[in-house]
Amino acid sequence: MAHRNCSLATLVNLASRWTSDVRGNVAMMFGITLLPIMLAVGVAIDYGQGAAVQQKLAGTVDSIALAAARSHDDDQLRQTIGQKFLDANMDMYGPGVVIQSLIVEFDDETKTVTVRVVAEVPTHLMSIAGIDSQIISSESTVSYEGHVSEPVSLALVLDVSGSMGWNNKIGTLRTAATHLLDKLRTADPDAIYVRTGLVTYSNRIRHTETMDWGIDQTRPVVQSLSANGGTASTAAVSAAGGWLRGNSENAQHAHQAVHEGEEFELHRFMIFMTDGDNNNRSDDRGTERQCDQIKADGVEIFTVAFEAPRRGRDLLEYCATSEDHYFDADNSADFLAAFEEIGDRIESAFLRIVQ
């Protein structure tokens, strides 16, 4: 019996050692396979961050090129305008981003200015593999023959219903819309190309700022937005559409001296956002009819759903000029990114960019 117990103890000991060895092997194999998985995830995350920085940098480069084109006859400004813009926008690129080079080249023969910027963006997970940064670059060429911009008229239709107070969505809207307006002021500091208007709504129109030059009348309203009430979008969309449809905005821009004797193309935009459903389905139908008329008149409508339910998303998809004019933001970061992209696209229409 003692011999049997000894054998059993030996077997248990051997089994325990085998299990330990197997666990050790599994742990080692898991560690070996985990590293490339982490690197793959790290590459995706870091490259995503780099792409976001590049998008923001591209907008700044376009703005520098436009400002440089306007300043082409001022030798002193030719030397300083680029660095001023970079310094003013460094905070938006994120921590650790370093501008390696800035080149602003004027070609007075072709009457163009070319701006090139190279930046170093720090990595996080890719540093495991010894890659501490990635290099990104952006380039833009703008003509300074004649006027260098095409005019823009933009109307904002913003939902400030009670649900926008949840999780400080109203604060995110203030940030996103303010940044977009500031981007337009940077591109048009003299307020001679850009006109903006604003309608806020809940279950009724809460505030209107009719179309006017620049952003000084709309920006303070955006920064003071507050949330309460239900949701009814028809009247707000109708009001903004009334400003943009027809020839009234074209006539306003035609009176600007910068367009005298020259052909120009007016770009008319609406940004329509909501985070919810209209309280009454009749408002869905009414809003759709308004959107049909606005789009038929040639106005581009961008729409942004901010954590909106299905009906709200369906309405915004319907109203958007095209599939790529509709943005479905599931969180604050997506919402900010949507307004950033819309701002870049409006700016691109505004700038007379050669390449």
Protein backbone atom coordinates (compact mmCIF):
# COMPACT_ATOMS: atom_id res chain seq x y z
CA MET A 1 0.00 0.00 0.00
CA ALA A 2 2.85 2.33 0.83
CA HIS A 3 4.40 1.54 -2.55
CA ARG A 4 1.12 2.44 -4.27
CA ASN A 5 0.90 5.80 -2.40
CA CYS A 6 4.43 6.63 -3.39
CA SER A 7 3.72 5.91 -7.01
CA LEU A 8 0.61 8.04 -6.89
CA ALA A 9 2.50 10.91 -5.31
CA THR A 10 5.15 10.59 -8.01
CA LEU A 11 2.52 10.67 -10.73
CA VAL A 12 0.87 13.72 -9.19
CA ASN A 13 4.26 15.44 -8.99
CA LEU A 14 5.07 14.57 -12.60
CA ALA A 15 1.63 15.78 -13.72
CA SER A 16 2.10 19.05 -11.85
CA ARG A 17 5.51 19.59 -13.44
CA TRP A 18 4.10 18.81 -16.89
CA THR A 19 1.24 21.24 -16.37
CA SER A 20 3.69 23.89 -15.21
CA ASP A 21 5.87 23.30 -18.25
CA VAL A 22 2.87 23.47 -20.57
CA ARG A 23 1.71 26.70 -18.96
CA GLY A 24 5.18 28.11 -19.32
CA ASN A 25 5.29 27.15 -22.98
CA VAL A 26 1.85 28.60 -23.58
CA ALA A 27 2.85 31.81 -21.83
CA MET A 28 6.03 32.01 -23.87
CA MET A 29 4.15 31.35 -27.13
CA PHE A 30 1.49 33.90 -26.18
CA GLY A 31 4.20 36.45 -25.45
CA ILE A 32 5.82 35.77 -28.81
CA THR A 33 2.55 36.20 -30.72
CA LEU A 34 1.39 39.17 -28.61
CA LEU A 35 4.24 41.44 -29.72
CA PRO A 36 3.37 41.52 -33.44
CA ILE A 37 -0.31 41.96 -32.55
CA MET A 38 0.55 44.93 -30.36
CA LEU A 39 2.76 46.37 -33.09
CA ALA A 40 0.00 45.99 -35.68
CA VAL A 41 -2.49 47.74 -33.41
CA GLY A 42 0.12 50.38 -32.60
CA VAL A 43 0.82 51.05 -36.26
CA ALA A 44 -2.90 51.52 -36.94
CA ILE A 45 -3.36 53.88 -33.99
CA ASP A 46 -0.23 55.92 -34.66
CA TYR A 47 -0.88 56.19 -38.38
CA GLY A 48 -4.43 57.26 -37.60
CA GLN A 49 -3.06 60.03 -35.41
CA GLY A 50 -0.63 60.99 -38.15
CA ALA A 51 -3.46 61.16 -40.69
CA ALA A 52 -5.45 63.42 -38.36
CA VAL A 53 -2.47 65.75 -37.95
CA GLN A 54 -1.92 65.77 -41.73
CA GLN A 55 -5.54 66.76 -42.34
CA LYS A 56 -5.23 69.67 -39.92
CA LEU A 57 -1.84 70.63 -41.35
CA ALA A 58 -3.25 70.63 -44.89
CA GLY A 59 -5.86 73.19 -43.84
CA THR A 60 -3.17 75.40 -42.32
CA VAL A 61 -0.97 75.09 -45.42
CA ASP A 62 -3.89 76.15 -47.63
CA SER A 63 -4.50 79.15 -45.35
CA ILE A 64 -0.81 80.11 -45.43
CA ALA A 65 -0.79 79.90 -49.22
CA LEU A 66 -3.89 82.08 -49.47
CA ALA A 67 -2.53 84.67 -47.03
CA ALA A 68 0.84 84.67 -48.82
CA ALA A 69 -0.89 85.18 -52.17
CA ARG A 70 -2.73 88.19 -50.77
CA SER A 71 0.56 89.56 -49.42
CA HIS A 72 2.59 88.91 -52.58
CA ASP A 73 3.34 92.61 -53.12
CA ASP A 74 4.69 93.13 -49.57
CA ASP A 75 8.30 91.94 -49.34
CA GLN A 76 8.34 91.97 -45.55
CA LEU A 77 5.15 89.95 -45.21
CA ARG A 78 6.46 87.46 -47.76
CA GLN A 79 9.14 86.52 -45.26
CA THR A 80 6.99 86.33 -42.13
CA ILE A 81 3.43 85.35 -43.07
CA GLY A 82 4.03 81.58 -43.07
CA GLN A 83 5.62 81.40 -39.63
CA LYS A 84 2.89 83.59 -38.14
CA PHE A 85 0.22 81.17 -39.30
CA LEU A 86 2.12 78.14 -38.03
CA ASP A 87 2.71 79.72 -34.63
CA ALA A 88 -0.98 80.64 -34.34
CA ASN A 89 -2.12 77.08 -35.10
CA MET A 90 0.44 74.90 -33.30
CA ASP A 91 -1.93 74.01 -30.45
CA MET A 92 -4.35 72.28 -32.81
CA TYR A 93 -1.87 69.65 -34.00
CA GLY A 94 -1.48 67.93 -30.63
CA PRO A 95 1.35 67.47 -28.10
CA GLY A 96 4.83 66.68 -29.32
CA VAL A 97 4.31 67.67 -32.98
CA VAL A 98 7.38 69.48 -34.31
CA ILE A 99 7.49 71.49 -37.54
CA GLN A 100 10.73 70.50 -39.25
CA SER A 101 10.58 72.86 -42.21
CA LEU A 102 8.46 75.58 -43.78
CA ILE A 103 9.04 76.76 -47.33
CA VAL A 104 7.09 79.60 -48.95
CA GLU A 105 8.09 80.12 -52.59
CA PHE A 106 6.77 82.91 -54.80
CA ASP A 107 6.90 82.59 -58.58
CA ASP A 108 6.20 86.04 -59.98
CA GLU A 109 6.35 84.73 -63.55
CA THR A 110 3.44 82.32 -63.09
CA LYS A 111 1.95 84.44 -60.28
CA THR A 112 1.68 81.55 -57.86
CA VAL A 113 2.88 80.87 -54.33
CA THR A 114 3.73 77.37 -53.14
CA VAL A 115 3.84 76.40 -49.48
CA ARG A 116 5.44 73.19 -48.19
CA VAL A 117 5.47 72.08 -44.56
CA VAL A 118 7.15 69.00 -43.09
CA ALA A 119 6.25 67.91 -39.55
CA GLU A 120 7.41 65.21 -37.15
CA VAL A 121 4.61 63.45 -35.25
CA PRO A 122 5.51 61.40 -32.16
CA THR A 123 4.39 57.78 -32.01
CA HIS A 124 3.24 55.85 -28.97
CA LEU A 125 2.85 52.11 -29.49
CA MET A 126 5.17 52.04 -32.52
CA SER A 127 7.98 53.12 -30.20
CA ILE A 128 8.02 49.49 -28.97
CA ALA A 129 9.69 48.66 -32.29
CA GLY A 130 12.05 51.62 -32.01
CA ILE A 131 9.98 53.93 -34.26
CA ASP A 132 9.65 57.08 -32.19
CA SER A 133 8.10 59.39 -34.79
CA GLN A 134 6.66 59.63 -38.29
CA ILE A 135 7.22 62.35 -40.86
CA ILE A 136 4.27 63.95 -42.62
CA SER A 137 4.16 66.74 -45.17
CA SER A 138 1.66 68.94 -46.96
CA GLU A 139 1.90 71.25 -49.96
CA SER A 140 -0.41 73.82 -51.54
CA THR A 141 -0.10 76.18 -54.51
CA VAL A 142 -2.33 79.24 -54.89
CA SER A 143 -2.57 81.74 -57.73
CA TYR A 144 -2.32 85.45 -56.98
CA GLU A 145 -3.35 86.61 -60.42
CA GLY A 146 -6.55 88.62 -59.95
CA HIS A 147 -8.53 87.74 -56.85
CA VAL A 148 -7.38 84.56 -55.15
CA SER A 149 -10.62 83.38 -53.60
CA GLU A 150 -14.11 82.41 -54.58
CA PRO A 151 -16.91 83.72 -52.34
CA VAL A 152 -18.75 81.58 -49.78
CA SER A 153 -22.13 81.97 -48.09
CA LEU A 154 -22.70 79.60 -45.16
CA ALA A 155 -25.81 79.11 -43.01
CA LEU A 156 -25.65 77.02 -39.82
CA VAL A 157 -28.80 75.23 -38.59
CA LEU A 158 -28.05 73.97 -35.08
CA ASP A 159 -30.16 71.82 -32.76
CA VAL A 160 -30.15 73.18 -29.19
CA SER A 161 -32.94 70.96 -27.78
CA GLY A 162 -32.82 69.65 -24.23
CA SER A 163 -31.04 66.41 -25.13
CA MET A 164 -28.06 68.46 -26.31
CA GLY A 165 -27.43 69.14 -22.62
CA TRP A 166 -26.71 65.44 -21.96
CA ASN A 167 -23.01 64.61 -21.60
CA ASN A 168 -22.26 68.26 -22.47
CA LYS A 169 -23.04 67.74 -26.15
CA ILE A 170 -23.90 71.45 -26.30
CA GLY A 171 -20.34 72.24 -25.20
CA THR A 172 -18.96 70.03 -27.96
CA LEU A 173 -21.18 71.86 -30.47
CA ARG A 174 -19.89 75.22 -29.25
CA THR A 175 -16.30 74.05 -29.70
CA ALA A 176 -16.86 72.50 -33.14
CA ALA A 177 -18.81 75.40 -34.63
CA THR A 178 -16.46 78.03 -33.17
CA HIS A 179 -13.44 76.28 -34.65
CA LEU A 180 -15.11 76.09 -38.06
CA LEU A 181 -15.96 79.80 -38.01
CA ASP A 182 -12.43 80.68 -36.88
CA LYS A 183 -11.06 78.69 -39.82
CA LEU A 184 -13.09 80.87 -42.19
CA ARG A 185 -11.93 84.06 -40.49
CA THR A 186 -8.31 82.91 -40.82
CA ALA A 187 -8.86 82.38 -44.54
CA ASP A 188 -10.77 85.66 -44.96
CA PRO A 189 -9.49 88.08 -42.29
CA ASP A 190 -10.92 91.13 -44.06
CA ALA A 191 -14.43 89.62 -44.34
CA ILE A 192 -14.73 90.32 -48.06
CA TYR A 193 -15.34 86.79 -49.35
CA VAL A 194 -17.32 85.02 -46.61
CA ARG A 195 -20.86 85.62 -45.37
CA THR A 196 -22.41 83.60 -42.55
CA GLY A 197 -25.81 83.22 -40.93
CA LEU A 198 -27.16 81.12 -38.07
CA VAL A 199 -30.44 79.55 -36.92
CA THR A 200 -30.73 77.65 -33.64
CA TYR A 201 -33.82 75.60 -32.89
CA SER A 202 -35.52 73.33 -30.38
CA ASN A 203 -39.31 72.92 -30.64
CA ARG A 204 -39.24 76.40 -32.19
CA ILE A 205 -36.67 78.76 -33.68
CA ARG A 206 -34.60 79.96 -30.74
CA HIS A 207 -32.29 82.47 -32.38
CA THR A 208 -31.46 83.82 -35.84
CA GLU A 209 -28.55 85.81 -37.16
CA THR A 210 -29.27 86.69 -40.78
CA MET A 211 -26.54 86.53 -43.41
CA ASP A 212 -23.79 89.11 -43.01
CA TRP A 213 -20.11 89.56 -43.82
CA GLY A 214 -17.57 87.53 -41.86
CA ILE A 215 -18.26 85.68 -38.62
CA ASP A 216 -18.44 88.43 -36.00
CA GLN A 217 -22.24 88.22 -35.76
CA THR A 218 -22.47 84.42 -35.59
CA ARG A 219 -19.48 83.50 -33.43
CA PRO A 220 -20.75 85.11 -30.16
CA VAL A 221 -24.09 83.32 -30.54
CA VAL A 222 -22.34 79.97 -31.05
CA GLN A 223 -20.26 80.50 -27.93
CA SER A 224 -23.35 81.18 -25.81
CA LEU A 225 -25.47 78.20 -26.96
CA SER A 226 -27.59 76.53 -24.28
CA ALA A 227 -29.85 73.47 -24.45
CA ASN A 228 -33.55 73.08 -23.64
CA GLY A 229 -36.88 72.26 -25.25
CA GLY A 230 -38.14 69.74 -27.77
CA THR A 231 -37.22 69.28 -31.45
CA ALA A 232 -38.85 70.69 -34.59
CA SER A 233 -36.54 71.38 -37.50
CA THR A 234 -38.77 72.53 -40.39
CA ALA A 235 -38.97 76.24 -39.59
CA ALA A 236 -35.22 76.51 -38.94
CA VAL A 237 -34.23 74.77 -42.18
CA SER A 238 -36.76 76.88 -44.08
CA ALA A 239 -35.35 80.13 -42.66
CA ALA A 240 -31.75 79.27 -43.53
CA GLY A 241 -32.77 78.00 -46.95
CA GLY A 242 -34.60 81.23 -47.62
CA TRP A 243 -31.37 83.17 -47.13
CA LEU A 244 -29.35 80.95 -49.45
CA ARG A 245 -31.81 80.20 -52.25
CA GLY A 246 -32.26 82.52 -55.21
CA ASN A 247 -29.94 85.34 -56.24
CA SER A 248 -29.77 87.48 -53.12
CA GLU A 249 -26.43 86.14 -51.85
CA ASN A 250 -24.89 86.30 -55.33
CA ALA A 251 -25.95 89.94 -55.56
CA GLN A 252 -24.36 90.72 -52.18
CA HIS A 253 -21.01 89.26 -53.28
CA ALA A 254 -21.19 90.95 -56.68
CA HIS A 255 -21.12 94.34 -54.94
CA GLN A 256 -17.70 93.64 -53.43
CA ALA A 257 -14.93 95.58 -55.13
CA VAL A 258 -12.69 92.51 -55.20
CA HIS A 259 -15.01 90.94 -57.82
CA GLU A 260 -15.37 94.03 -59.97
CA GLY A 261 -14.84 93.20 -63.63
CA GLU A 262 -14.20 89.52 -62.91
CA GLU A 263 -16.21 86.34 -63.13
CA PHE A 264 -16.70 84.51 -59.85
CA GLU A 265 -18.49 81.41 -58.60
CA LEU A 266 -20.45 81.68 -55.38
CA HIS A 267 -20.39 78.58 -53.16
CA ARG A 268 -23.50 78.31 -50.97
CA PHE A 269 -23.46 75.90 -48.02
CA MET A 270 -25.77 74.85 -45.21
CA ILE A 271 -24.73 72.80 -42.17
CA PHE A 272 -27.73 71.10 -40.54
CA MET A 273 -27.24 69.06 -37.35
CA THR A 274 -29.39 67.33 -34.77
CA ASP A 275 -29.00 64.81 -31.97
CA GLY A 276 -32.59 63.55 -31.96
CA ASP A 277 -35.93 62.93 -33.62
CA ASN A 278 -38.45 65.64 -34.38
CA ASN A 279 -41.27 65.46 -31.83
CA ASN A 280 -43.79 65.19 -34.70
CA ARG A 281 -43.30 63.16 -37.86
CA SER A 282 -44.91 65.98 -39.81
CA ASP A 283 -41.73 67.94 -39.15
CA ASP A 284 -39.73 65.17 -40.83
CA ARG A 285 -41.83 65.52 -43.97
CA GLY A 286 -41.75 69.32 -43.81
CA THR A 287 -37.97 69.35 -43.41
CA GLU A 288 -37.52 66.93 -46.29
CA ARG A 289 -39.58 69.21 -48.57
CA GLN A 290 -37.43 72.19 -47.58
CA CYS A 291 -34.24 70.23 -48.21
CA ASP A 292 -35.51 69.21 -51.65
CA GLN A 293 -36.03 72.85 -52.62
CA ILE A 294 -32.71 74.00 -51.18
CA LYS A 295 -30.70 71.29 -52.95
CA ALA A 296 -32.57 71.85 -56.21
CA ASP A 297 -31.40 75.47 -56.10
CA GLY A 298 -27.75 74.37 -55.98
CA VAL A 299 -27.03 74.83 -52.26
CA GLU A 300 -24.75 72.16 -50.77
CA ILE A 301 -26.14 70.73 -47.53
CA PHE A 302 -23.82 69.07 -45.01
CA THR A 303 -25.63 67.18 -42.24
CA VAL A 304 -24.27 65.86 -38.93
CA ALA A 305 -26.07 63.39 -36.66
CA PHE A 306 -24.77 63.65 -33.08
CA GLU A 307 -25.58 60.34 -31.35
CA ALA A 308 -28.98 60.59 -33.01
CA PRO A 309 -31.62 57.80 -33.08
CA ARG A 310 -32.69 56.13 -36.32
CA ARG A 311 -35.36 58.62 -37.43
CA GLY A 312 -33.07 61.57 -36.89
CA ARG A 313 -30.29 59.89 -38.85
CA ASP A 314 -32.68 59.01 -41.68
CA LEU A 315 -33.78 62.64 -41.94
CA LEU A 316 -30.21 63.92 -42.10
CA GLU A 317 -29.21 61.31 -44.66
CA TYR A 318 -32.13 62.43 -46.80
CA CYS A 319 -31.26 66.13 -46.52
CA ALA A 320 -27.52 65.76 -47.28
CA THR A 321 -26.48 66.71 -50.80
CA SER A 322 -24.74 63.36 -51.24
CA GLU A 323 -23.58 60.39 -49.22
CA ASP A 324 -20.28 62.06 -48.41
CA HIS A 325 -22.10 65.19 -47.18
CA TYR A 326 -23.64 63.16 -44.32
CA PHE A 327 -21.75 62.52 -41.06
CA ASP A 328 -22.89 60.09 -38.36
CA ALA A 329 -21.08 61.00 -35.13
CA ASP A 330 -21.31 58.37 -32.38
CA ASN A 331 -19.38 60.46 -29.86
CA SER A 332 -17.88 63.88 -29.24
CA ALA A 333 -14.60 63.06 -30.99
CA ASP A 334 -16.46 62.00 -34.15
CA PHE A 335 -18.58 65.16 -34.00
CA LEU A 336 -15.53 67.42 -33.73
CA ALA A 337 -13.87 65.53 -36.60
CA ALA A 338 -16.99 65.93 -38.75
CA PHE A 339 -17.03 69.71 -38.32
CA GLU A 340 -13.27 69.78 -38.95
CA GLU A 341 -13.70 67.97 -42.27
CA ILE A 342 -16.66 70.12 -43.29
CA GLY A 343 -14.63 73.23 -42.51
CA ASP A 344 -11.75 71.96 -44.62
CA ARG A 345 -14.07 71.23 -47.54
CA ILE A 346 -15.70 74.67 -47.36
CA GLU A 347 -12.25 76.25 -47.17
CA SER A 348 -11.12 74.25 -50.21
CA ALA A 349 -14.08 75.58 -52.20
CA PHE A 350 -13.24 79.06 -51.00
CA LEU A 351 -9.55 79.01 -51.87
CA ARG A 352 -8.41 79.25 -55.45
CA ILE A 353 -5.92 76.42 -55.09
CA VAL A 354 -3.88 75.49 -58.14
CA GLN A 355 -2.81 72.15 -56.64
